[in-house]
């Protein structure tokens, strides 16, 4: 599989699938595909049994994603191209049997199937991100929406930063226990709102230079 990010401010993702290869994307992300690539619609997140599947579907919807994903696969004997786009730029993150805590609605595509569900977050409420955050779990390279060149901040053990929630793409290797709100009237005077989200390391924070307010995030149905 050959995957390329193309463009500057607004990027698109060009994927060349070899015979037998497959790819997954959020509903509405497709720009075009070449003849010979087949697709099927899958329920988001999978799940075990009726209740498990229903729970994952509800979780996907609450986290800002569509309840459906599209599975693309190449069953021809030659390479075929498929192209996807996000709302702005795209930020690739590789996960290996781990879970990302993400802002709502940022998932665009992945080279393997991933589970998208909901993280109910008290710290997220207090920090301005809302009660429902997104969890993406699995073993894949995933592509997330980003406005501008992404910023990745590595946090050492005990290292702390305060972040405007509208710039957060994803938190990697960071648990709910490492999040708290930073209340301050100075935040309002500085234009950041009443509360910032305090993040304590270790872990990795993926940030968008441009803010991602809710009205600009994907609204897939």
Protein backbone atom coordinates (compact mmCIF):
# COMPACT_ATOMS: atom_id res chain seq x y z
CA UNK A 1 0.00 0.00 0.00
CA UNK A 2 1.28 3.44 -0.95
CA UNK A 3 -0.24 6.33 1.02
CA UNK A 4 0.59 10.00 0.37
CA UNK A 5 -0.59 13.28 1.91
CA UNK A 6 -0.77 15.91 -0.83
CA UNK A 7 -1.26 19.66 -0.52
CA UNK A 8 -0.46 22.41 1.96
CA UNK A 9 -3.29 24.20 3.78
CA UNK A 10 -6.05 21.84 2.62
CA UNK A 11 -4.63 18.36 2.13
CA UNK A 12 -5.97 15.22 0.57
CA UNK A 13 -4.98 11.60 1.06
CA UNK A 14 -3.99 9.52 -1.97
CA UNK A 15 -4.07 5.77 -1.38
CA UNK A 16 -2.79 3.24 -3.92
CA UNK A 17 -4.14 -0.21 -3.10
CA UNK A 18 -2.31 -3.25 -4.38
CA UNK A 19 -4.33 -6.37 -5.27
CA UNK A 20 -6.06 -7.68 -2.16
CA UNK A 21 -5.41 -4.60 0.00
CA UNK A 22 -8.11 -2.67 1.85
CA UNK A 23 -8.76 0.68 3.49
CA UNK A 24 -11.39 2.26 5.78
CA UNK A 25 -12.84 5.78 5.83
CA UNK A 26 -15.51 7.89 7.46
CA UNK A 27 -18.71 8.52 5.53
CA UNK A 28 -18.31 11.56 3.26
CA UNK A 29 -14.48 11.47 3.12
CA UNK A 30 -14.23 10.02 -0.42
CA UNK A 31 -13.17 12.34 -3.26
CA UNK A 32 -12.83 9.73 -6.00
CA UNK A 33 -11.89 6.12 -6.63
CA UNK A 34 -10.69 4.26 -9.70
CA UNK A 35 -12.72 1.57 -11.39
CA UNK A 36 -12.09 -1.83 -9.83
CA UNK A 37 -12.18 -0.75 -6.20
CA UNK A 38 -15.18 -2.22 -4.43
CA UNK A 39 -16.78 -0.89 -1.27
CA UNK A 40 -19.16 -1.96 1.45
CA UNK A 41 -20.82 -0.14 4.32
CA UNK A 42 -19.96 -1.32 7.83
CA UNK A 43 -21.46 -0.36 11.17
CA UNK A 44 -19.02 1.79 13.10
CA UNK A 45 -17.08 0.11 15.90
CA UNK A 46 -18.30 -3.44 15.39
CA UNK A 47 -19.30 -4.96 18.71
CA UNK A 48 -20.07 -8.34 20.20
CA UNK A 49 -23.73 -9.33 20.14
CA UNK A 50 -26.73 -7.09 19.60
CA UNK A 51 -26.26 -5.01 22.76
CA UNK A 52 -22.53 -4.58 22.17
CA UNK A 53 -23.06 -3.44 18.59
CA UNK A 54 -25.85 -1.07 19.65
CA UNK A 55 -23.68 0.39 22.38
CA UNK A 56 -20.84 1.05 19.96
CA UNK A 57 -23.20 2.65 17.45
CA UNK A 58 -24.57 4.99 20.10
CA UNK A 59 -21.02 5.73 21.27
CA UNK A 60 -19.88 6.57 17.74
CA UNK A 61 -22.79 8.96 17.27
CA UNK A 62 -22.22 10.69 20.61
CA UNK A 63 -18.52 11.10 19.78
CA UNK A 64 -19.36 13.00 16.60
CA UNK A 65 -18.89 10.28 13.98
CA UNK A 66 -21.24 8.63 11.54
CA UNK A 67 -22.75 5.31 12.61
CA UNK A 68 -21.32 3.86 9.38
CA UNK A 69 -17.81 3.40 7.96
CA UNK A 70 -16.96 2.55 4.37
CA UNK A 71 -14.68 -0.43 3.69
CA UNK A 72 -12.79 -0.20 0.37
CA UNK A 73 -10.92 -3.15 -1.16
CA UNK A 74 -9.08 -3.96 -4.37
CA UNK A 75 -10.00 -7.33 -5.86
CA UNK A 76 -8.42 -6.67 -9.23
CA UNK A 77 -4.99 -7.88 -10.38
CA UNK A 78 -3.49 -4.37 -10.63
CA UNK A 79 -2.98 -1.39 -8.31
CA UNK A 80 -5.88 1.03 -7.97
CA UNK A 81 -6.08 4.53 -6.55
CA UNK A 82 -8.54 6.07 -4.10
CA UNK A 83 -8.48 9.65 -2.77
CA UNK A 84 -9.94 11.08 0.45
CA UNK A 85 -10.24 14.53 1.97
CA UNK A 86 -10.92 15.98 5.42
CA UNK A 87 -12.31 19.35 6.39
CA UNK A 88 -8.83 20.93 6.46
CA UNK A 89 -5.49 19.15 6.62
CA UNK A 90 -4.84 15.58 7.70
CA UNK A 91 -2.63 14.36 10.54
CA UNK A 92 -1.45 10.71 10.50
CA UNK A 93 -0.98 8.93 13.84
CA UNK A 94 0.18 5.33 14.17
CA UNK A 95 -1.36 3.34 17.01
CA UNK A 96 -0.35 -0.18 18.05
CA UNK A 97 -2.91 -1.90 20.22
CA UNK A 98 -3.64 1.34 22.06
CA UNK A 99 -6.40 3.91 22.46
CA UNK A 100 -6.38 7.59 21.55
CA UNK A 101 -8.56 10.15 23.30
CA UNK A 102 -9.66 12.50 20.51
CA UNK A 103 -11.73 15.58 19.98
CA UNK A 104 -15.18 14.91 18.58
CA UNK A 105 -15.52 14.11 14.89
CA UNK A 106 -11.84 14.24 13.88
CA UNK A 107 -11.51 10.70 12.46
CA UNK A 108 -11.26 10.63 8.63
CA UNK A 109 -9.67 7.32 7.57
CA UNK A 110 -7.39 4.41 8.56
CA UNK A 111 -5.48 1.62 6.83
CA UNK A 112 -7.00 -0.98 9.19
CA UNK A 113 -10.35 -1.30 10.88
CA UNK A 114 -10.48 0.60 14.18
CA UNK A 115 -13.08 0.88 16.91
CA UNK A 116 -14.57 4.32 17.46
CA UNK A 117 -16.43 4.80 20.71
CA UNK A 118 -17.19 7.37 23.39
CA UNK A 119 -15.13 8.56 26.35
CA UNK A 120 -17.35 10.18 29.00
CA UNK A 121 -15.10 12.83 30.48
CA UNK A 122 -15.69 14.99 33.55
CA UNK A 123 -12.37 16.72 32.91
CA UNK A 124 -13.50 17.29 29.33
CA UNK A 125 -16.62 19.08 30.53
CA UNK A 126 -14.67 21.31 32.90
CA UNK A 127 -11.94 21.88 30.33
CA UNK A 128 -14.42 22.92 27.63
CA UNK A 129 -14.28 19.81 25.39
CA UNK A 130 -17.73 18.55 26.39
CA UNK A 131 -18.95 15.42 28.13
CA UNK A 132 -18.42 13.07 25.20
CA UNK A 133 -14.91 12.64 23.81
CA UNK A 134 -13.94 10.18 21.11
CA UNK A 135 -11.90 7.01 21.67
CA UNK A 136 -10.14 5.34 18.73
CA UNK A 137 -8.68 1.91 19.46
CA UNK A 138 -6.81 -0.65 17.40
CA UNK A 139 -3.65 -1.29 15.42
CA UNK A 140 -3.51 1.08 12.45
CA UNK A 141 -2.33 4.35 10.99
CA UNK A 142 -5.25 6.72 11.36
CA UNK A 143 -5.77 10.08 9.66
CA UNK A 144 -7.36 12.87 11.69
CA UNK A 145 -8.59 16.34 10.76
CA UNK A 146 -6.14 19.17 11.41
CA UNK A 147 -6.24 22.86 10.51
CA UNK A 148 -2.69 23.68 9.44
CA UNK A 149 0.64 21.96 10.13
CA UNK A 150 0.07 19.76 13.20
CA UNK A 151 1.97 20.27 16.45
CA UNK A 152 3.08 17.23 18.46
CA UNK A 153 4.13 17.86 22.07
CA UNK A 154 5.98 15.11 23.98
CA UNK A 155 5.37 15.29 27.72
CA UNK A 156 7.80 13.76 30.19
CA UNK A 157 6.71 12.28 33.50
CA UNK A 158 5.09 15.02 35.60
CA UNK A 159 5.47 17.66 32.87
CA UNK A 160 2.34 19.81 32.58
CA UNK A 161 0.82 21.98 29.86
CA UNK A 162 -2.45 23.91 29.61
CA UNK A 163 -4.22 23.67 26.26
CA UNK A 164 -7.13 25.48 24.62
CA UNK A 165 -9.53 22.60 23.91
CA UNK A 166 -10.36 23.87 20.40
CA UNK A 167 -6.78 23.05 19.33
CA UNK A 168 -6.69 19.45 20.59
CA UNK A 169 -6.67 16.72 17.94
CA UNK A 170 -5.73 13.70 20.05
CA UNK A 171 -4.06 12.58 23.27
CA UNK A 172 -1.80 9.53 22.95
CA UNK A 173 -0.68 7.49 25.95
CA UNK A 174 -2.67 9.79 28.22
CA UNK A 175 -5.48 8.63 30.50
CA UNK A 176 -8.47 10.45 31.94
CA UNK A 177 -6.65 10.64 35.29
CA UNK A 178 -4.01 12.87 33.68
CA UNK A 179 -6.58 15.51 32.68
CA UNK A 180 -7.99 18.34 34.77
CA UNK A 181 -9.40 21.81 34.29
CA UNK A 182 -7.43 25.02 34.82
CA UNK A 183 -9.93 27.68 35.88
CA UNK A 184 -8.90 31.33 35.67
CA UNK A 185 -10.53 34.68 34.99
CA UNK A 186 -7.29 35.58 33.18
CA UNK A 187 -8.25 32.98 30.56
CA UNK A 188 -11.39 34.94 29.73
CA UNK A 189 -9.48 38.22 29.50
CA UNK A 190 -6.94 36.45 27.28
CA UNK A 191 -9.66 35.17 24.95
CA UNK A 192 -9.35 31.47 25.85
CA UNK A 193 -12.57 31.11 27.86
CA UNK A 194 -13.02 30.40 31.55
CA UNK A 195 -11.17 27.08 31.61
CA UNK A 196 -8.21 25.48 29.85
CA UNK A 197 -7.51 21.75 29.86
CA UNK A 198 -4.50 20.82 32.03
CA UNK A 199 -2.60 17.76 30.82
CA UNK A 200 0.05 16.00 32.92
CA UNK A 201 2.66 13.72 31.32
CA UNK A 202 3.86 11.28 30.35
CA UNK A 203 2.28 11.08 26.92
CA UNK A 204 1.95 12.77 23.57
CA UNK A 205 -0.39 15.66 22.71
CA UNK A 206 -1.39 16.27 19.07
CA UNK A 207 -2.53 19.84 18.39
CA UNK A 208 -3.99 21.80 15.50
CA UNK A 209 -2.52 25.32 14.96
CA UNK A 210 -5.92 26.54 13.78
CA UNK A 211 -8.80 26.13 16.19
CA UNK A 212 -11.37 23.40 15.52
CA UNK A 213 -14.59 24.82 16.96
CA UNK A 214 -17.64 22.57 16.79
CA UNK A 215 -19.25 24.42 13.88
CA UNK A 216 -16.29 23.52 11.65
CA UNK A 217 -16.02 19.85 12.58
CA UNK A 218 -17.50 17.22 10.27
CA UNK A 219 -21.24 16.68 10.82
CA UNK A 220 -21.60 13.25 9.28
CA UNK A 221 -24.97 11.61 9.72
